[in-house]
Protein backbone atom coordinates (compact mmCIF):
# COMPACT_ATOMS: atom_id res chain seq x y z
CA UNK A 1 -12.41 -15.44 35.12
CA UNK A 2 -11.12 -17.70 32.39
CA UNK A 3 -8.06 -19.87 32.57
CA UNK A 4 -5.05 -18.75 30.51
CA UNK A 5 -4.31 -20.75 27.39
CA UNK A 6 -1.63 -23.29 28.16
CA UNK A 7 -1.09 -24.60 24.65
CA UNK A 8 -0.12 -23.14 21.32
CA UNK A 9 -2.93 -21.60 19.38
CA UNK A 10 -3.01 -21.79 15.57
CA UNK A 11 -1.68 -18.75 13.71
CA UNK A 12 -4.05 -16.03 12.59
CA UNK A 13 -4.38 -15.99 8.81
CA UNK A 14 -4.81 -12.55 7.27
CA UNK A 15 -6.28 -12.06 3.79
CA UNK A 16 -3.91 -11.25 0.96
CA UNK A 17 -4.74 -7.91 -0.67
CA UNK A 18 -4.37 -8.04 -4.42
CA UNK A 19 -5.79 -4.63 -5.21
CA UNK A 20 -4.85 -2.98 -8.45
CA UNK A 21 -2.44 -0.07 -8.28
CA UNK A 22 -4.14 3.31 -8.01
CA UNK A 23 -4.13 5.32 -11.24
CA UNK A 24 -3.08 8.98 -11.29
CA UNK A 25 -5.71 11.64 -11.89
CA UNK A 26 -5.40 13.13 -15.38
CA UNK A 27 -3.75 16.56 -15.32
CA UNK A 28 -2.69 16.45 -11.65
CA UNK A 29 1.00 17.27 -11.15
CA UNK A 30 1.11 15.65 -7.69
CA UNK A 31 -0.32 12.39 -9.03
CA UNK A 32 2.15 12.45 -11.92
CA UNK A 33 5.08 12.96 -9.54
CA UNK A 34 3.96 10.13 -7.24
CA UNK A 35 3.63 7.85 -10.25
CA UNK A 36 7.13 8.78 -11.45
CA UNK A 37 8.62 8.13 -8.00
CA UNK A 38 6.78 4.80 -7.82
CA UNK A 39 8.12 3.76 -11.24
CA UNK A 40 11.71 4.69 -10.31
CA UNK A 41 11.43 2.84 -6.99
CA UNK A 42 10.09 -0.28 -8.70
CA UNK A 43 12.96 -0.23 -11.20
CA UNK A 44 15.52 -0.46 -8.37
CA UNK A 45 13.50 -2.96 -6.31
CA UNK A 46 12.45 -0.53 -3.55
CA UNK A 47 9.03 -2.02 -2.85
CA UNK A 48 8.64 -0.04 0.39
CA UNK A 49 8.59 3.21 -1.57
CA UNK A 50 6.31 1.65 -4.19
CA UNK A 51 3.83 0.78 -1.44
CA UNK A 52 4.14 4.26 0.12
CA UNK A 53 3.39 5.90 -3.24
CA UNK A 54 0.36 3.64 -3.71
CA UNK A 55 -0.95 4.70 -0.29
CA UNK A 56 -0.41 8.39 -1.09
CA UNK A 57 -2.13 8.01 -4.49
CA UNK A 58 -5.13 6.29 -2.86
CA UNK A 59 -5.46 9.10 -0.30
CA UNK A 60 -4.69 11.93 -2.73
CA UNK A 61 -8.07 12.03 -4.51
CA UNK A 62 -9.57 13.33 -1.26
CA UNK A 63 -7.75 16.57 -2.02
CA UNK A 64 -9.10 16.84 -5.59
């Protein structure tokens, strides 16, 4: 068995993701709506909703 750490360990550094925003699929109403919601959310500073829309847009092409 190992001894427990009795001193502070350095913090874990996670990589910063700087991916481009997902683009909507041409002619898809769902993609267009998510893009509109994302744009409205960004205009009022709601970055949580912007991120949620990006996630939904990235996953949405699986349904195309």
